[in-house]
Protein backbone atom coordinates (compact mmCIF):
# COMPACT_ATOMS: atom_id res chain seq x y z
CA MET A 1 17.01 4.75 3.50
CA PHE A 2 18.70 4.50 6.82
CA GLY A 3 20.16 6.96 9.29
CA LYS A 4 22.59 5.95 12.04
CA ARG A 5 23.05 2.16 12.31
CA ILE A 6 24.26 0.18 15.27
CA PRO A 7 26.02 -3.08 14.54
CA LEU A 8 24.72 -6.03 16.65
CA PHE A 9 26.27 -9.26 15.52
CA LYS A 10 27.44 -11.50 12.65
CA LEU A 11 25.84 -14.82 11.97
CA PHE A 12 26.68 -17.14 8.94
CA GLY A 13 28.94 -14.37 7.74
CA PHE A 14 26.13 -11.73 7.48
CA SER A 15 26.21 -8.54 9.59
CA VAL A 16 23.16 -7.47 11.34
CA SER A 17 22.60 -3.97 12.35
CA ILE A 18 19.81 -1.91 13.80
CA ASP A 19 18.78 1.57 12.69
CA VAL A 20 18.05 3.91 15.39
CA SER A 21 14.37 4.27 14.31
CA TRP A 22 13.92 0.60 15.14
CA PHE A 23 13.74 1.73 18.70
CA ILE A 24 10.74 3.72 17.98
CA LEU A 25 9.13 0.59 16.65
CA ALA A 26 10.11 -1.42 19.55
CA ILE A 27 8.58 1.05 22.07
CA LEU A 28 5.33 1.35 20.13
CA ILE A 29 5.01 -2.38 19.91
CA THR A 30 5.74 -2.79 23.59
CA TRP A 31 3.36 -0.16 24.53
CA THR A 32 0.55 -1.45 22.14
CA LEU A 33 0.89 -5.03 23.38
CA ALA A 34 1.21 -4.31 27.07
CA ASP A 35 -1.58 -1.57 27.14
CA ASP A 36 -4.19 -3.00 24.61
CA VAL A 37 -3.60 -6.42 22.85
CA PHE A 38 -2.66 -8.70 25.65
CA PRO A 39 -5.25 -7.20 28.20
CA ARG A 40 -7.97 -7.51 25.66
CA TYR A 41 -7.33 -11.29 24.96
CA PHE A 42 -5.67 -12.37 28.41
CA GLU A 43 -7.45 -11.17 31.42
CA ASP A 44 -6.58 -11.00 35.06
CA PHE A 45 -2.93 -10.43 34.86
CA SER A 46 -0.86 -7.62 36.50
CA LYS A 47 0.31 -4.60 34.78
CA ALA A 48 3.81 -5.82 35.25
CA THR A 49 2.97 -9.16 33.70
CA TYR A 50 1.48 -7.38 30.66
CA LEU A 51 4.66 -5.04 30.43
CA TRP A 52 6.85 -8.25 30.27
CA MET A 53 4.58 -9.80 27.75
CA GLY A 54 4.86 -6.74 25.76
CA ILE A 55 8.79 -6.72 25.84
CA ALA A 56 8.77 -10.38 24.99
CA GLY A 57 6.50 -9.81 22.08
CA ALA A 58 8.70 -6.92 20.76
CA LEU A 59 11.91 -9.18 21.17
CA GLY A 60 9.91 -11.90 19.34
CA LEU A 61 9.14 -9.54 16.44
CA PHE A 62 12.92 -8.75 16.22
CA VAL A 63 13.91 -12.39 16.05
CA SER A 64 11.10 -13.18 13.55
CA ILE A 65 12.25 -10.28 11.18
CA VAL A 66 15.84 -11.35 11.41
CA PHE A 67 14.95 -14.95 10.61
CA HIS A 68 12.91 -13.79 7.61
CA GLU A 69 15.76 -11.61 6.23
CA PHE A 70 18.39 -14.33 6.98
CA CYS A 71 16.43 -16.66 4.78
CA HIS A 72 16.53 -14.26 1.86
CA SER A 73 20.23 -13.83 2.33
CA LEU A 74 21.14 -17.45 2.43
CA VAL A 75 19.15 -18.08 -0.75
CA ALA A 76 20.81 -14.94 -2.27
CA ARG A 77 24.24 -16.18 -1.31
CA ARG A 78 23.52 -19.65 -2.64
CA TYR A 79 22.94 -18.10 -5.98
CA GLY A 80 26.16 -15.97 -5.90
CA LEU A 81 24.45 -12.66 -5.06
CA PRO A 82 26.76 -10.50 -2.61
CA MET A 83 24.80 -9.23 0.35
CA LYS A 84 25.80 -6.12 2.29
CA GLY A 85 24.05 -7.31 5.49
CA ILE A 86 20.82 -7.05 7.23
CA THR A 87 19.48 -3.80 8.87
CA LEU A 88 16.26 -3.47 11.03
CA PHE A 89 14.46 -0.27 11.02
CA ILE A 90 11.06 1.39 11.83
CA PHE A 91 9.24 -0.53 9.13
CA GLY A 92 10.81 -3.93 9.70
CA GLY A 93 14.09 -5.14 8.10
CA VAL A 94 15.79 -5.47 4.80
CA ALA A 95 18.54 -7.80 3.31
CA GLU A 96 20.75 -5.33 1.42
CA MET A 97 21.81 -6.57 -2.03
CA ALA A 98 24.96 -5.26 -3.62
CA GLU A 99 23.64 -6.00 -7.18
CA GLU A 100 20.45 -7.26 -9.00
CA PRO A 101 19.82 -11.04 -9.32
CA GLU A 102 21.26 -12.45 -12.69
CA SER A 103 17.98 -14.44 -13.53
CA PRO A 104 14.38 -14.33 -12.85
CA MET A 105 14.48 -17.77 -11.20
CA THR A 106 17.14 -16.32 -8.77
CA GLU A 107 14.89 -13.30 -7.87
CA PHE A 108 11.97 -15.79 -7.59
CA LEU A 109 13.61 -18.07 -5.17
CA MET A 110 15.22 -15.22 -3.13
CA ALA A 111 12.05 -13.35 -2.84
CA PHE A 112 9.81 -16.35 -2.03
CA ALA A 113 12.13 -17.69 0.63
CA GLY A 114 11.08 -14.82 3.12
CA PRO A 115 7.35 -15.46 3.20
CA VAL A 116 7.97 -19.30 3.29
CA SER A 117 10.26 -18.88 6.21
CA SER A 118 7.60 -16.76 8.25
CA VAL A 119 4.98 -19.36 7.58
CA LEU A 120 7.32 -22.25 8.86
CA LEU A 121 8.21 -20.16 11.79
CA GLY A 122 4.56 -19.38 12.50
CA THR A 123 3.56 -22.96 11.98
CA GLY A 124 6.34 -23.99 14.51
CA LEU A 125 5.13 -21.52 17.08
CA TYR A 126 1.50 -22.55 16.58
CA PHE A 127 2.24 -26.28 17.48
CA VAL A 128 4.27 -25.01 20.46
CA CYS A 129 1.30 -23.23 21.50
CA ILE A 130 -0.71 -26.59 21.19
CA LEU A 131 1.93 -28.23 23.54
CA ALA A 132 1.84 -25.28 25.72
CA GLU A 133 -1.91 -25.70 26.35
CA HIS A 134 -1.60 -29.56 26.59
CA PHE A 135 1.13 -29.13 29.51
CA ALA A 136 -0.68 -26.20 31.02
CA TRP A 137 2.19 -23.80 30.67
CA SER A 138 1.71 -20.39 31.98
CA GLY A 139 -0.76 -18.09 30.57
CA PRO A 140 1.55 -15.20 29.84
CA ALA A 141 4.23 -17.43 28.06
CA ASN A 142 1.43 -19.03 26.10
CA GLY A 143 -0.11 -15.56 25.20
CA VAL A 144 3.19 -14.42 23.77
CA LEU A 145 3.72 -17.50 21.58
CA GLN A 146 0.21 -17.26 20.25
CA TYR A 147 0.95 -13.57 19.36
CA LEU A 148 4.17 -14.37 17.73
CA ALA A 149 2.70 -17.24 15.67
CA TRP A 150 -0.26 -14.98 14.42
CA LEU A 151 2.49 -12.17 13.80
CA ASN A 152 4.47 -14.45 11.40
CA PHE A 153 1.44 -15.43 9.46
CA MET A 154 0.58 -11.77 9.05
CA LEU A 155 4.32 -10.88 8.04
CA ALA A 156 4.08 -13.58 5.38
CA GLY A 157 0.74 -12.41 4.08
CA PHE A 158 1.66 -8.72 3.95
CA ASN A 159 5.00 -9.50 2.27
CA LEU A 160 3.23 -11.45 -0.35
CA LEU A 161 1.23 -8.40 -1.75
CA PRO A 162 2.33 -7.78 -5.29
CA ALA A 163 3.72 -4.30 -4.35
CA PHE A 164 7.53 -3.85 -5.22
CA PRO A 165 9.93 -3.91 -3.26
CA LEU A 166 7.93 -6.07 -0.91
CA ASP A 167 8.64 -9.91 -1.48
CA GLY A 168 5.36 -10.32 -3.60
CA GLY A 169 6.34 -7.45 -5.77
CA ARG A 170 9.67 -9.08 -6.38
CA VAL A 171 8.06 -12.39 -7.23
CA LEU A 172 5.86 -10.38 -9.53
CA ARG A 173 9.03 -8.78 -10.98
CA SER A 174 10.58 -12.10 -11.62
CA VAL A 175 7.54 -13.51 -13.48
CA LEU A 176 7.30 -10.23 -15.64
CA TRP A 177 11.15 -10.51 -16.24
CA ALA A 178 10.82 -14.18 -17.43
CA VAL A 179 7.95 -13.54 -19.73
CA LYS A 180 9.55 -10.56 -21.51
CA GLY A 181 13.18 -11.15 -20.76
CA ASN A 182 13.43 -7.36 -19.82
CA LEU A 183 14.56 -6.43 -16.23
CA ARG A 184 14.09 -2.79 -16.77
CA TRP A 185 10.51 -3.00 -18.11
CA ALA A 186 9.76 -5.72 -15.35
CA THR A 187 11.18 -3.36 -12.49
CA ARG A 188 9.10 -0.24 -14.03
CA ILE A 189 5.86 -2.23 -13.90
CA ALA A 190 6.46 -3.67 -10.55
CA SER A 191 7.45 -0.35 -9.17
CA GLN A 192 4.44 1.31 -10.49
CA LEU A 193 2.27 -1.14 -8.82
CA GLY A 194 4.22 -0.65 -5.64
CA SER A 195 3.93 3.01 -5.85
CA GLY A 196 0.19 2.61 -6.39
CA PHE A 197 -0.22 0.49 -3.43
CA GLY A 198 1.73 2.88 -1.32
CA LEU A 199 -0.72 5.60 -2.26
CA PHE A 200 -3.62 3.38 -1.51
CA LEU A 201 -2.22 2.84 2.02
CA ILE A 202 -1.75 6.67 2.42
CA ILE A 203 -5.35 7.27 1.43
CA MET A 204 -6.60 4.51 3.64
CA GLY A 205 -4.65 6.14 6.55
CA GLY A 206 -6.38 9.37 5.91
CA LEU A 207 -9.72 7.67 6.11
CA LEU A 208 -8.94 5.80 9.23
CA PHE A 209 -7.59 9.07 10.91
CA PHE A 210 -10.25 11.60 9.74
CA ILE A 211 -13.48 9.31 9.17
CA TRP A 212 -13.26 6.43 11.69
CA GLY A 213 -11.16 8.22 14.32
CA ASP A 214 -8.35 5.59 14.36
CA PHE A 215 -5.33 7.67 15.11
CA VAL A 216 -2.78 5.08 15.53
CA GLY A 217 -3.87 2.83 12.73
CA GLY A 218 -4.28 5.80 10.35
CA VAL A 219 -0.74 7.04 11.07
CA TRP A 220 0.71 3.64 10.67
CA SER A 221 -1.05 3.12 7.39
CA ALA A 222 0.07 6.45 6.13
CA LEU A 223 3.65 6.03 7.10
CA ILE A 224 3.95 2.51 5.74
CA GLY A 225 2.38 3.74 2.45
CA MET A 226 4.78 6.50 2.15
CA PHE A 227 7.65 4.12 2.84
CA ILE A 228 6.62 1.67 0.05
CA ARG A 229 5.81 4.37 -2.32
CA THR A 230 9.28 5.96 -1.84
CA ALA A 231 11.16 2.58 -1.93
CA SER A 232 9.45 1.30 -4.96
CA GLN A 233 10.36 4.62 -6.90
CA MET A 234 13.95 4.50 -5.49
CA SER A 235 14.28 0.93 -6.51
CA TYR A 236 13.61 1.75 -10.04
CA ARG A 237 15.94 4.64 -10.00
CA GLN A 238 18.72 2.48 -8.70
CA LEU A 239 18.22 0.12 -11.57
CA LEU A 240 18.45 2.93 -14.06
CA VAL A 241 21.79 3.89 -12.54
CA ARG A 242 23.20 0.40 -12.66
CA ALA A 243 22.20 0.02 -16.25
CA ALA A 244 23.47 3.44 -17.31
CA LEU A 245 26.82 2.93 -15.57
CA SER A 246 27.37 -0.82 -15.91
CA GLY A 247 30.58 -1.47 -18.02
CA GLU A 248 31.75 2.10 -17.91
CA GLU A 249 35.46 2.24 -16.54
CA ILE A 250 36.09 4.85 -14.00
CA ARG A 251 38.83 6.38 -16.24
CA ARG A 252 36.11 7.83 -18.25
CA PHE A 253 35.03 10.11 -15.39
CA MET A 254 38.17 11.10 -13.61
CA LYS A 255 39.97 14.35 -13.81
CA SER A 256 43.61 13.60 -14.72
CA ASP A 257 45.19 16.71 -13.22
CA PRO A 258 44.02 16.72 -9.54
CA ILE A 259 45.29 19.34 -6.96
CA THR A 260 47.66 17.59 -4.57
CA VAL A 261 49.12 18.70 -1.21
CA PRO A 262 52.69 18.20 0.03
CA PRO A 263 52.86 16.68 3.51
CA SER A 264 55.15 19.29 4.83
CA ILE A 265 52.89 22.26 5.00
CA SER A 266 51.11 23.11 8.23
CA ILE A 267 47.32 22.46 8.73
CA GLU A 268 46.83 26.13 8.81
CA GLN A 269 48.38 26.62 5.39
CA LEU A 270 46.27 23.59 4.09
CA VAL A 271 43.08 25.31 5.29
CA ASN A 272 44.04 28.88 3.91
CA ASP A 273 45.58 27.95 0.66
CA TYR A 274 43.72 24.71 -0.23
CA PHE A 275 40.35 24.16 1.39
CA TYR A 276 39.27 27.94 1.20
CA ARG A 277 40.84 28.65 -2.19
CA HIS A 278 39.64 25.47 -4.12
CA HIS A 279 36.55 24.72 -2.12
CA LEU A 280 36.98 20.89 -1.96
CA LYS A 281 36.71 18.67 0.91
CA MET A 282 39.49 16.20 0.17
CA PHE A 283 42.89 16.35 -1.36
CA PRO A 284 45.50 13.85 -2.26
CA VAL A 285 48.76 13.94 -0.35
CA CYS A 286 51.94 13.51 -2.41
CA ASP A 287 55.70 13.58 -1.63
CA GLY A 288 57.05 14.09 -5.23
CA ASN A 289 55.66 11.19 -7.15
CA LEU A 290 54.89 9.28 -4.09
CA LEU A 291 51.19 9.03 -3.15
CA LEU A 292 50.87 9.02 0.74
CA GLY A 293 47.25 9.14 1.03
CA CYS A 294 44.69 11.97 1.51
CA VAL A 295 43.56 14.69 3.88
CA THR A 296 39.85 15.71 4.26
CA SER A 297 37.92 18.57 5.97
CA ASN A 298 36.59 16.07 8.57
CA GLN A 299 40.22 15.21 9.55
CA VAL A 300 41.11 18.69 9.94
CA LYS A 301 37.94 19.42 12.14
CA GLN A 302 39.21 16.83 14.58
CA VAL A 303 42.39 18.88 15.27
CA PRO A 304 42.06 21.58 17.83
CA ARG A 305 42.26 25.10 16.35
CA GLU A 306 45.33 26.01 18.35
CA GLN A 307 47.27 23.12 16.84
CA TRP A 308 46.78 24.07 13.16
CA GLY A 309 50.02 26.05 12.96
CA LYS A 310 52.07 23.37 14.80
CA LEU A 311 51.05 20.25 13.10
CA SER A 312 51.82 19.27 9.48
CA VAL A 313 49.61 17.64 6.88
CA GLY A 314 51.86 14.59 7.34
CA ASP A 315 50.71 14.17 10.94
CA VAL A 316 47.21 13.79 9.93
CA VAL A 317 47.32 12.10 6.47
CA LYS A 318 44.85 9.27 5.99
CA PRO A 319 46.80 6.31 4.25
CA CYS A 320 45.54 4.82 0.94
CA SER A 321 42.93 2.01 1.41
CA GLY A 322 40.05 0.42 -0.51
CA GLU A 323 37.84 3.25 0.93
CA ASN A 324 39.64 6.15 -0.69
CA THR A 325 41.40 4.73 -3.70
CA ILE A 326 40.18 2.92 -6.93
CA SER A 327 41.98 1.64 -10.11
CA PRO A 328 41.28 3.24 -13.49
CA GLN A 329 39.68 0.03 -14.86
CA THR A 330 37.15 -0.37 -12.02
CA ASP A 331 33.47 -0.50 -13.18
CA ALA A 332 31.61 2.80 -12.24
CA VAL A 333 29.03 0.87 -10.51
CA ARG A 334 31.62 -0.48 -8.21
CA ALA A 335 32.79 3.04 -7.65
CA LEU A 336 29.34 4.31 -6.68
CA SER A 337 28.98 1.35 -4.31
CA ILE A 338 32.31 2.39 -2.47
CA MET A 339 30.99 6.02 -2.33
CA ASN A 340 27.76 5.06 -0.97
CA ARG A 341 29.35 2.58 1.70
CA THR A 342 31.93 5.08 2.89
CA GLY A 343 30.28 8.39 2.38
CA ASN A 344 33.26 9.54 0.32
CA SER A 345 32.21 11.51 -2.87
CA ARG A 346 35.72 11.86 -4.08
CA LEU A 347 38.05 8.85 -4.75
CA MET A 348 41.75 8.87 -5.83
CA VAL A 349 42.39 6.87 -8.92
CA VAL A 350 45.69 5.00 -8.40
CA ASP A 351 47.49 2.92 -11.08
CA ALA A 352 50.57 0.86 -10.06
CA GLY A 353 50.90 3.11 -6.85
CA ARG A 354 50.86 6.18 -8.74
CA LEU A 355 48.02 8.96 -8.60
CA VAL A 356 46.65 9.35 -12.07
CA GLY A 357 43.38 11.13 -11.24
CA ILE A 358 40.41 12.00 -9.03
CA VAL A 359 36.81 10.71 -9.69
CA THR A 360 33.87 12.61 -8.09
CA LEU A 361 30.22 11.59 -7.48
CA LYS A 362 29.29 14.91 -9.05
CA ASP A 363 30.84 14.02 -12.37
CA MET A 364 29.55 10.73 -12.49
CA LEU A 365 26.03 12.02 -11.70
CA LYS A 366 26.18 14.67 -14.64
CA PHE A 367 26.99 11.72 -17.09
CA LEU A 368 24.33 9.53 -15.51
CA ASP A 369 21.56 12.29 -16.08
CA LEU A 370 22.77 13.02 -19.59
CA LYS A 371 22.90 9.18 -20.54
CA ILE A 372 19.36 8.64 -19.16
CA ASP A 373 18.04 11.77 -20.90
CA LEU A 374 19.60 10.70 -24.26
CA GLU A 375 18.83 7.13 -24.17
CA GLY A 376 15.38 7.36 -22.35
CA ARG A 377 13.92 5.16 -19.59
């Protein structure tokens, strides 16, 4: 879903990051507010004032979304759900869960916390606006507060739409899950509704653009529709992956005779005799029976070409860590989570400090495809 993320800060133990696509949204929001919204409703201010109001409005949107996602995360943590963090991107923000909720009630409370928080924040801002008018605060400040109050009410309303993975879609899934006791069935129904709603927004975007001539509204409606449609389908596929791999130990997928590299050979020999011969991007580095770590093609690329014949593998070996090693008893879902977080498609399987195999994303996906095909959706 995301491209390059920029870590911002940590609060209550949650990491907040911003995807580079967020800057596109920030620029568009600032421009729209400064050039259209604020001049339309608040007259006789200078262009510089409208610009500062636009910037303040965009920053207020940032804070509102972070507040919304923090409330999701706090409720999730209260019920034992591990959270990866919060990321803001062009379509808003998302609190990333490491696993599915354990019960319909947990899902319901976690999902409903977001819209409730937005309503509370919007209500608080509305009362601040009343105070601002009573004490005759400056017009620009009051204008931004009015916009943010309205924005939070809109954010709550939009998220309550029953389109998975929006909050309303998750609330719907929790109800369906509670009624039938089947998370997969509930997710499939909620995802289909979310996908249908996404298609509706895409069609509406086309009508706005071609029939009513609303270029900005049409493009945004279509983009949001494509995002919701893709996210709903992806969420169901992720559930299928978890269901298919949950309980499977990683030893089932590992290759027990991995090709290893001694630390004494040169990088040039490594490239010619291992990377070019076996077409792999990572090799374990072993000194006899002792596992030292691994060496990857990315590490080699960081070494100047003229140094390949002078430096050895031992000079660039990456030590063993939780990012490149895993035990044979580890659940396959956990292994996939590590691969997703680190970008490593190959992990060394280690037992009592001894290399016992290699597990690859490719082999796990082959098993997953076969299991889903045989057992059905």
